Amino acid sequence: MEAVAEPQLSNQEPDEEKMSSRNHSKLQSQLAFLLLTAYRNQYNVLTELDLDFASGKTRPDLCIFPKQTSDWLTDEIVVQDVPLTTLEILSPEQSLNSLLDRIYKKHFPAGVKTVWLIVPALQIVSIFLPNRKQINFTEGIVADPETGIQLNLSEIFEQ
């Protein structure tokens, strides 16, 4: 009889484990490229940043911060600064409820102004606001009411 390896337990919370795919990765790269191309003088766009808020630890796919100069000699492994906006891309094996739970229990209590939820299979971008309102985009220009960021939905989901 063959020995069966026990699964390794992660130090991360279950909803924080990295879940990715080809489409997820492409969207993350595409969004970072579009945001940096249009807004690099106004915002810092960071990917897969570990955040530690009073409301809990989280790792959004992208974070948008006000523009700051970088200190390349000093780095932070876990960041406590609160981004203006976080972007979450729904992964194939991720539940929508766990992602919404993270948004409303971690991101907004920390002071994040808006959260973009991108659903690749439906080609939808929803912008969530702390007051539990959301704006859904299925075509045209995705416009964030807090940051003024605007991206063309067809460029986000370009073939």
N, C-alpha and C. Protein backbone atom coordinates (compact mmCIF):
# COMPACT_ATOMS: atom_id res chain seq x y z
N MET A 1 0.84 -1.17 0.00
CA MET A 1 0.00 0.00 0.00
C MET A 1 0.89 1.25 0.00
N GLU A 2 0.56 2.22 -0.83
CA GLU A 2 1.34 3.45 -0.93
C GLU A 2 1.01 4.40 0.22
N ALA A 3 2.01 5.13 0.66
CA ALA A 3 1.77 6.14 1.67
C ALA A 3 1.12 7.34 1.01
N VAL A 4 0.18 7.93 1.71
CA VAL A 4 -0.51 9.12 1.20
C VAL A 4 -0.01 10.32 1.98
N ALA A 5 0.45 11.32 1.28
CA ALA A 5 0.96 12.53 1.93
C ALA A 5 -0.20 13.32 2.52
N GLU A 6 0.00 13.80 3.72
CA GLU A 6 -1.01 14.66 4.35
C GLU A 6 -0.95 16.04 3.71
N PRO A 7 -2.11 16.67 3.50
CA PRO A 7 -2.09 18.02 2.93
C PRO A 7 -1.42 19.00 3.89
N GLN A 8 -0.66 19.92 3.31
CA GLN A 8 0.01 20.94 4.10
C GLN A 8 -0.99 22.02 4.49
N LEU A 9 -0.98 22.39 5.74
CA LEU A 9 -1.85 23.46 6.19
C LEU A 9 -1.17 24.80 5.97
N SER A 10 -1.94 25.77 5.60
CA SER A 10 -1.41 27.09 5.31
C SER A 10 -1.60 27.98 6.53
N ASN A 11 -0.71 28.95 6.70
CA ASN A 11 -0.86 29.94 7.76
C ASN A 11 -1.88 31.00 7.39
N GLN A 12 -2.32 30.99 6.15
CA GLN A 12 -3.29 31.97 5.69
C GLN A 12 -4.69 31.51 6.00
N GLU A 13 -5.59 32.48 6.09
CA GLU A 13 -6.99 32.13 6.24
C GLU A 13 -7.44 31.49 4.93
N PRO A 14 -8.43 30.58 4.97
CA PRO A 14 -8.84 29.86 3.76
C PRO A 14 -9.19 30.77 2.58
N ASP A 15 -9.86 31.89 2.83
CA ASP A 15 -10.25 32.74 1.71
C ASP A 15 -9.09 33.59 1.20
N GLU A 16 -7.94 33.51 1.86
CA GLU A 16 -6.78 34.27 1.43
C GLU A 16 -5.80 33.44 0.62
N GLU A 17 -6.03 32.14 0.50
CA GLU A 17 -5.11 31.31 -0.25
C GLU A 17 -5.13 31.72 -1.72
N LYS A 18 -3.97 31.66 -2.34
CA LYS A 18 -3.86 32.07 -3.73
C LYS A 18 -4.63 31.13 -4.64
N MET A 19 -5.56 31.70 -5.37
CA MET A 19 -6.32 30.96 -6.36
C MET A 19 -6.20 31.73 -7.66
N SER A 20 -5.62 31.10 -8.65
CA SER A 20 -5.41 31.80 -9.89
C SER A 20 -5.73 30.89 -11.07
N SER A 21 -5.67 31.45 -12.23
CA SER A 21 -5.91 30.72 -13.48
C SER A 21 -5.34 31.58 -14.60
N ARG A 22 -5.39 31.06 -15.80
CA ARG A 22 -4.88 31.82 -16.95
C ARG A 22 -5.67 33.12 -17.12
N ASN A 23 -7.00 33.05 -17.11
CA ASN A 23 -7.82 34.25 -17.29
C ASN A 23 -7.63 35.23 -16.13
N HIS A 24 -7.54 34.70 -14.92
CA HIS A 24 -7.32 35.55 -13.75
C HIS A 24 -6.01 36.31 -13.90
N SER A 25 -4.95 35.60 -14.26
CA SER A 25 -3.64 36.20 -14.43
C SER A 25 -3.64 37.24 -15.55
N LYS A 26 -4.28 36.91 -16.66
CA LYS A 26 -4.35 37.84 -17.78
C LYS A 26 -5.08 39.12 -17.37
N LEU A 27 -6.20 38.97 -16.67
CA LEU A 27 -6.95 40.15 -16.23
C LEU A 27 -6.15 40.99 -15.25
N GLN A 28 -5.46 40.34 -14.34
CA GLN A 28 -4.66 41.08 -13.37
C GLN A 28 -3.58 41.89 -14.09
N SER A 29 -2.90 41.28 -15.05
CA SER A 29 -1.88 41.99 -15.82
C SER A 29 -2.49 43.10 -16.66
N GLN A 30 -3.60 42.81 -17.30
CA GLN A 30 -4.27 43.79 -18.16
C GLN A 30 -4.72 45.01 -17.35
N LEU A 31 -5.33 44.76 -16.19
CA LEU A 31 -5.79 45.87 -15.35
C LEU A 31 -4.62 46.71 -14.87
N ALA A 32 -3.55 46.07 -14.43
CA ALA A 32 -2.38 46.81 -13.98
C ALA A 32 -1.81 47.66 -15.12
N PHE A 33 -1.71 47.08 -16.31
CA PHE A 33 -1.20 47.81 -17.46
C PHE A 33 -2.08 49.02 -17.79
N LEU A 34 -3.39 48.81 -17.88
CA LEU A 34 -4.31 49.90 -18.21
C LEU A 34 -4.26 51.01 -17.16
N LEU A 35 -4.26 50.62 -15.90
CA LEU A 35 -4.24 51.61 -14.82
C LEU A 35 -2.93 52.39 -14.80
N LEU A 36 -1.82 51.70 -14.98
CA LEU A 36 -0.54 52.39 -14.98
C LEU A 36 -0.37 53.28 -16.21
N THR A 37 -0.85 52.81 -17.34
CA THR A 37 -0.76 53.61 -18.56
C THR A 37 -1.50 54.94 -18.41
N ALA A 38 -2.68 54.88 -17.83
CA ALA A 38 -3.52 56.07 -17.75
C ALA A 38 -3.29 56.90 -16.48
N TYR A 39 -2.87 56.27 -15.38
CA TYR A 39 -2.88 56.97 -14.09
C TYR A 39 -1.56 56.89 -13.31
N ARG A 40 -0.46 56.53 -13.94
CA ARG A 40 0.79 56.34 -13.19
C ARG A 40 1.30 57.63 -12.54
N ASN A 41 0.92 58.79 -13.03
CA ASN A 41 1.34 60.05 -12.42
C ASN A 41 0.47 60.43 -11.22
N GLN A 42 -0.68 59.77 -11.08
CA GLN A 42 -1.63 60.10 -10.03
C GLN A 42 -1.71 59.02 -8.94
N TYR A 43 -1.51 57.75 -9.34
CA TYR A 43 -1.70 56.65 -8.41
C TYR A 43 -0.56 55.64 -8.51
N ASN A 44 -0.32 54.92 -7.41
CA ASN A 44 0.49 53.72 -7.43
C ASN A 44 -0.46 52.54 -7.55
N VAL A 45 -0.16 51.62 -8.44
CA VAL A 45 -0.96 50.42 -8.65
C VAL A 45 -0.08 49.24 -8.27
N LEU A 46 -0.49 48.50 -7.24
CA LEU A 46 0.30 47.40 -6.70
C LEU A 46 -0.47 46.09 -6.79
N THR A 47 0.22 45.01 -7.11
CA THR A 47 -0.43 43.71 -7.24
C THR A 47 -0.07 42.80 -6.08
N GLU A 48 -1.03 41.95 -5.69
CA GLU A 48 -0.80 40.88 -4.70
C GLU A 48 -0.09 41.39 -3.45
N LEU A 49 -0.54 42.53 -2.93
CA LEU A 49 0.08 43.13 -1.75
C LEU A 49 -0.60 42.60 -0.49
N ASP A 50 0.21 42.11 0.46
CA ASP A 50 -0.33 41.65 1.74
C ASP A 50 -0.64 42.85 2.61
N LEU A 51 -1.91 42.97 2.98
CA LEU A 51 -2.37 44.08 3.82
C LEU A 51 -2.77 43.53 5.18
N ASP A 52 -2.47 44.29 6.22
CA ASP A 52 -2.85 43.91 7.58
C ASP A 52 -3.64 45.06 8.19
N PHE A 53 -4.95 44.94 8.15
CA PHE A 53 -5.84 45.95 8.69
C PHE A 53 -6.30 45.52 10.08
N ALA A 54 -6.82 46.44 10.85
CA ALA A 54 -7.43 46.09 12.14
C ALA A 54 -8.58 45.09 11.90
N SER A 55 -9.20 45.16 10.73
CA SER A 55 -10.33 44.28 10.39
C SER A 55 -9.87 42.92 9.86
N GLY A 56 -8.57 42.72 9.68
CA GLY A 56 -8.06 41.43 9.24
C GLY A 56 -7.03 41.55 8.13
N LYS A 57 -6.37 40.43 7.86
CA LYS A 57 -5.37 40.37 6.79
C LYS A 57 -6.06 40.02 5.48
N THR A 58 -5.53 40.58 4.40
CA THR A 58 -6.10 40.33 3.09
C THR A 58 -5.03 40.55 2.03
N ARG A 59 -5.24 40.00 0.84
CA ARG A 59 -4.33 40.17 -0.29
C ARG A 59 -5.16 40.38 -1.55
N PRO A 60 -5.55 41.62 -1.84
CA PRO A 60 -6.30 41.89 -3.07
C PRO A 60 -5.45 41.64 -4.30
N ASP A 61 -6.09 41.43 -5.43
CA ASP A 61 -5.36 41.24 -6.68
C ASP A 61 -4.62 42.51 -7.06
N LEU A 62 -5.25 43.66 -6.89
CA LEU A 62 -4.60 44.95 -7.12
C LEU A 62 -5.06 45.94 -6.07
N CYS A 63 -4.17 46.88 -5.75
CA CYS A 63 -4.48 47.98 -4.84
C CYS A 63 -4.11 49.28 -5.53
N ILE A 64 -4.91 50.30 -5.28
CA ILE A 64 -4.61 51.62 -5.81
C ILE A 64 -4.41 52.57 -4.64
N PHE A 65 -3.22 53.17 -4.60
CA PHE A 65 -2.84 54.13 -3.56
C PHE A 65 -2.60 55.49 -4.21
N PRO A 66 -2.70 56.57 -3.44
CA PRO A 66 -2.23 57.86 -3.96
C PRO A 66 -0.75 57.73 -4.32
N LYS A 67 -0.31 58.49 -5.30
CA LYS A 67 1.08 58.43 -5.77
C LYS A 67 2.04 58.80 -4.64
N GLN A 68 3.05 57.93 -4.46
CA GLN A 68 4.12 58.17 -3.49
C GLN A 68 5.43 57.79 -4.16
N THR A 69 6.51 58.40 -3.68
CA THR A 69 7.82 58.00 -4.19
C THR A 69 8.22 56.70 -3.50
N SER A 70 8.97 55.89 -4.19
CA SER A 70 9.40 54.60 -3.65
C SER A 70 10.77 54.73 -3.00
N ASP A 71 10.93 54.05 -1.88
CA ASP A 71 12.22 53.95 -1.22
C ASP A 71 12.71 52.53 -1.48
N TRP A 72 13.59 52.35 -2.46
CA TRP A 72 14.01 51.02 -2.89
C TRP A 72 14.95 50.35 -1.89
N LEU A 73 15.45 51.10 -0.89
CA LEU A 73 16.31 50.51 0.12
C LEU A 73 15.52 49.96 1.31
N THR A 74 14.29 50.41 1.45
CA THR A 74 13.44 49.97 2.55
C THR A 74 12.18 49.35 1.96
N ASP A 75 11.84 48.17 2.43
CA ASP A 75 10.66 47.48 1.90
C ASP A 75 9.75 47.06 3.04
N GLU A 76 8.51 46.80 2.71
CA GLU A 76 7.53 46.30 3.68
C GLU A 76 6.99 44.98 3.17
N ILE A 77 7.01 43.97 3.99
CA ILE A 77 6.47 42.67 3.63
C ILE A 77 4.95 42.69 3.76
N VAL A 78 4.48 43.26 4.86
CA VAL A 78 3.05 43.41 5.11
C VAL A 78 2.77 44.90 5.31
N VAL A 79 1.80 45.41 4.59
CA VAL A 79 1.52 46.85 4.58
C VAL A 79 0.26 47.13 5.40
N GLN A 80 0.33 48.20 6.20
CA GLN A 80 -0.83 48.58 6.99
C GLN A 80 -1.53 49.81 6.42
N ASP A 81 -0.92 50.47 5.45
CA ASP A 81 -1.58 51.61 4.80
C ASP A 81 -2.83 51.11 4.09
N VAL A 82 -3.86 51.94 4.08
CA VAL A 82 -5.12 51.56 3.46
C VAL A 82 -5.18 52.14 2.04
N PRO A 83 -5.37 51.28 1.04
CA PRO A 83 -5.49 51.78 -0.33
C PRO A 83 -6.82 52.52 -0.53
N LEU A 84 -6.86 53.37 -1.54
CA LEU A 84 -8.11 54.03 -1.90
C LEU A 84 -9.09 53.00 -2.45
N THR A 85 -8.56 52.14 -3.31
CA THR A 85 -9.38 51.16 -4.03
C THR A 85 -8.65 49.83 -4.06
N THR A 86 -9.43 48.76 -3.96
CA THR A 86 -8.88 47.42 -4.17
C THR A 86 -9.66 46.78 -5.32
N LEU A 87 -8.97 45.92 -6.05
CA LEU A 87 -9.60 45.19 -7.15
C LEU A 87 -9.48 43.71 -6.86
N GLU A 88 -10.59 43.01 -6.95
CA GLU A 88 -10.64 41.57 -6.71
C GLU A 88 -11.18 40.91 -7.97
N ILE A 89 -10.47 39.90 -8.44
CA ILE A 89 -10.89 39.13 -9.61
C ILE A 89 -11.39 37.79 -9.11
N LEU A 90 -12.62 37.47 -9.42
CA LEU A 90 -13.20 36.19 -8.99
C LEU A 90 -12.50 35.06 -9.71
N SER A 91 -11.92 34.15 -8.94
CA SER A 91 -11.22 32.99 -9.49
C SER A 91 -12.20 31.83 -9.69
N PRO A 92 -11.88 30.90 -10.58
CA PRO A 92 -12.80 29.80 -10.88
C PRO A 92 -13.20 28.97 -9.66
N GLU A 93 -12.29 28.81 -8.71
CA GLU A 93 -12.58 27.97 -7.55
C GLU A 93 -12.97 28.78 -6.32
N GLN A 94 -13.16 30.07 -6.48
CA GLN A 94 -13.47 30.96 -5.36
C GLN A 94 -14.96 31.19 -5.29
N SER A 95 -15.51 31.24 -4.10
CA SER A 95 -16.95 31.51 -3.98
C SER A 95 -17.18 33.02 -3.95
N LEU A 96 -18.24 33.42 -4.59
CA LEU A 96 -18.61 34.83 -4.61
C LEU A 96 -18.90 35.31 -3.19
N ASN A 97 -19.56 34.47 -2.39
CA ASN A 97 -19.89 34.86 -1.01
C ASN A 97 -18.65 35.11 -0.17
N SER A 98 -17.60 34.29 -0.33
CA SER A 98 -16.38 34.51 0.45
C SER A 98 -15.70 35.81 0.04
N LEU A 99 -15.77 36.13 -1.24
CA LEU A 99 -15.17 37.37 -1.71
C LEU A 99 -15.97 38.59 -1.21
N LEU A 100 -17.29 38.51 -1.26
CA LEU A 100 -18.12 39.61 -0.74
C LEU A 100 -17.92 39.78 0.76
N ASP A 101 -17.78 38.66 1.46
CA ASP A 101 -17.53 38.69 2.89
C ASP A 101 -16.23 39.44 3.17
N ARG A 102 -15.19 39.14 2.40
CA ARG A 102 -13.89 39.82 2.55
C ARG A 102 -14.03 41.32 2.29
N ILE A 103 -14.77 41.66 1.26
CA ILE A 103 -14.96 43.08 0.91
C ILE A 103 -15.63 43.84 2.04
N TYR A 104 -16.74 43.29 2.55
CA TYR A 104 -17.52 44.02 3.56
C TYR A 104 -17.00 43.88 4.98
N LYS A 105 -16.22 42.85 5.26
CA LYS A 105 -15.72 42.66 6.63
C LYS A 105 -14.27 43.09 6.82
N LYS A 106 -13.52 43.20 5.72
CA LYS A 106 -12.11 43.59 5.85
C LYS A 106 -11.79 44.89 5.13
N HIS A 107 -12.16 45.00 3.86
CA HIS A 107 -11.76 46.18 3.08
C HIS A 107 -12.47 47.45 3.55
N PHE A 108 -13.79 47.44 3.57
CA PHE A 108 -14.51 48.66 3.93
C PHE A 108 -14.31 49.09 5.38
N PRO A 109 -14.31 48.17 6.36
CA PRO A 109 -14.05 48.61 7.74
C PRO A 109 -12.67 49.25 7.90
N ALA A 110 -11.73 48.89 7.06
CA ALA A 110 -10.37 49.47 7.11
C ALA A 110 -10.32 50.88 6.52
N GLY A 111 -11.32 51.24 5.71
CA GLY A 111 -11.34 52.57 5.11
C GLY A 111 -11.16 52.61 3.61
N VAL A 112 -11.15 51.44 2.96
CA VAL A 112 -11.07 51.41 1.49
C VAL A 112 -12.32 52.11 0.95
N LYS A 113 -12.14 52.98 -0.04
CA LYS A 113 -13.25 53.79 -0.57
C LYS A 113 -14.13 53.04 -1.57
N THR A 114 -13.50 52.25 -2.44
CA THR A 114 -14.24 51.45 -3.42
C THR A 114 -13.52 50.13 -3.65
N VAL A 115 -14.31 49.11 -3.99
CA VAL A 115 -13.75 47.81 -4.34
C VAL A 115 -14.34 47.41 -5.68
N TRP A 116 -13.46 47.09 -6.62
CA TRP A 116 -13.89 46.58 -7.91
C TRP A 116 -13.91 45.06 -7.83
N LEU A 117 -15.02 44.48 -8.23
CA LEU A 117 -15.12 43.02 -8.33
C LEU A 117 -15.25 42.68 -9.80
N ILE A 118 -14.30 41.93 -10.31
CA ILE A 118 -14.28 41.57 -11.73
C ILE A 118 -14.67 40.10 -11.84
N VAL A 119 -15.69 39.82 -12.65
CA VAL A 119 -16.16 38.46 -12.86
C VAL A 119 -15.83 38.08 -14.30
N PRO A 120 -14.72 37.37 -14.51
CA PRO A 120 -14.24 37.08 -15.86
C PRO A 120 -15.25 36.35 -16.74
N ALA A 121 -15.88 35.31 -16.24
CA ALA A 121 -16.78 34.51 -17.07
C ALA A 121 -17.96 35.31 -17.61
N LEU A 122 -18.39 36.33 -16.86
CA LEU A 122 -19.52 37.16 -17.28
C LEU A 122 -19.08 38.48 -17.89
N GLN A 123 -17.79 38.77 -17.86
CA GLN A 123 -17.22 40.03 -18.33
C GLN A 123 -17.95 41.22 -17.73
N ILE A 124 -18.04 41.17 -16.40
CA ILE A 124 -18.70 42.22 -15.62
C ILE A 124 -17.70 42.81 -14.64
N VAL A 125 -17.76 44.13 -14.48
CA VAL A 125 -17.05 44.81 -13.40
C VAL A 125 -18.10 45.48 -12.54
N SER A 126 -18.08 45.17 -11.25
CA SER A 126 -18.97 45.81 -10.28
C SER A 126 -18.10 46.62 -9.34
N ILE A 127 -18.50 47.88 -9.13
CA ILE A 127 -17.80 48.72 -8.17
C ILE A 127 -18.68 48.80 -6.93
N PHE A 128 -18.12 48.33 -5.81
CA PHE A 128 -18.84 48.33 -4.54
C PHE A 128 -18.43 49.55 -3.73
N LEU A 129 -19.41 50.11 -3.03
CA LEU A 129 -19.19 51.26 -2.17
C LEU A 129 -19.48 50.84 -0.72
N PRO A 130 -18.90 51.53 0.26
CA PRO A 130 -19.09 51.13 1.65
C PRO A 130 -20.55 51.13 2.12
N ASN A 131 -21.40 51.92 1.49
CA ASN A 131 -22.81 52.00 1.90
C ASN A 131 -23.65 50.85 1.31
N ARG A 132 -22.98 49.81 0.83
CA ARG A 132 -23.59 48.61 0.25
C ARG A 132 -24.25 48.86 -1.11
N LYS A 133 -23.96 49.99 -1.70
CA LYS A 133 -24.42 50.23 -3.07
C LYS A 133 -23.36 49.68 -4.02
N GLN A 134 -23.79 49.35 -5.22
CA GLN A 134 -22.84 48.89 -6.23
C GLN A 134 -23.26 49.41 -7.59
N ILE A 135 -22.25 49.57 -8.43
CA ILE A 135 -22.47 50.01 -9.80
C ILE A 135 -21.94 48.89 -10.69
N ASN A 136 -22.78 48.37 -11.57
CA ASN A 136 -22.39 47.25 -12.43
C ASN A 136 -22.16 47.74 -13.85
N PHE A 137 -21.07 47.25 -14.45
CA PHE A 137 -20.72 47.64 -15.81
C PHE A 137 -20.63 46.39 -16.68
N THR A 138 -21.42 46.37 -17.74
CA THR A 138 -21.38 45.27 -18.70
C THR A 138 -20.94 45.74 -20.08
N GLU A 139 -20.81 47.05 -20.23
CA GLU A 139 -20.32 47.64 -21.48
C GLU A 139 -19.93 49.09 -21.20
N GLY A 140 -19.23 49.69 -22.16
CA GLY A 140 -18.87 51.09 -22.04
C GLY A 140 -17.70 51.35 -21.11
N ILE A 141 -17.78 52.48 -20.40
CA ILE A 141 -16.69 52.95 -19.55
C ILE A 141 -16.98 52.60 -18.09
N VAL A 142 -16.02 51.92 -17.47
CA VAL A 142 -16.09 51.65 -16.03
C VAL A 142 -15.58 52.91 -15.35
N ALA A 143 -16.44 53.53 -14.52
CA ALA A 143 -16.09 54.79 -13.89
C ALA A 143 -16.21 54.68 -12.37
N ASP A 144 -15.11 54.90 -11.68
CA ASP A 144 -15.08 54.83 -10.22
C ASP A 144 -15.47 56.21 -9.67
N PRO A 145 -16.56 56.30 -8.90
CA PRO A 145 -17.03 57.60 -8.42
C PRO A 145 -16.12 58.24 -7.37
N GLU A 146 -15.27 57.47 -6.71
CA GLU A 146 -14.40 58.01 -5.67
C GLU A 146 -13.05 58.48 -6.20
N THR A 147 -12.46 57.71 -7.10
CA THR A 147 -11.11 58.04 -7.58
C THR A 147 -11.11 58.79 -8.91
N GLY A 148 -12.22 58.72 -9.63
CA GLY A 148 -12.28 59.31 -10.97
C GLY A 148 -11.65 58.44 -12.03
N ILE A 149 -11.18 57.25 -11.65
CA ILE A 149 -10.58 56.34 -12.62
C ILE A 149 -11.64 55.86 -13.59
N GLN A 150 -11.27 55.86 -14.88
CA GLN A 150 -12.16 55.37 -15.93
C GLN A 150 -11.38 54.45 -16.86
N LEU A 151 -11.95 53.27 -17.10
CA LEU A 151 -11.35 52.32 -18.04
C LEU A 151 -12.44 51.80 -18.95
N ASN A 152 -12.06 51.54 -20.20
CA ASN A 152 -13.00 50.97 -21.15
C ASN A 152 -13.15 49.47 -20.89
N LEU A 153 -14.37 49.02 -20.67
CA LEU A 153 -14.61 47.61 -20.37
C LEU A 153 -14.08 46.70 -21.47
N SER A 154 -14.21 47.13 -22.72
CA SER A 154 -13.72 46.28 -23.82
C SER A 154 -12.20 46.13 -23.79
N GLU A 155 -11.48 47.11 -23.25
CA GLU A 155 -10.03 46.99 -23.11
C GLU A 155 -9.66 46.07 -21.95
N ILE A 156 -10.46 46.08 -20.89
CA ILE A 156 -10.21 45.18 -19.75
C ILE A 156 -10.32 43.74 -20.23
N PHE A 157 -11.37 43.44 -20.99
CA PHE A 157 -11.63 42.08 -21.45
C PHE A 157 -11.22 41.87 -22.91
N GLU A 158 -10.20 42.59 -23.36
CA GLU A 158 -9.78 42.45 -24.76
C GLU A 158 -9.32 41.03 -25.03
N GLN A 159 -9.61 40.56 -26.23
CA GLN A 159 -9.25 39.19 -26.60
C GLN A 159 -7.79 39.11 -26.82
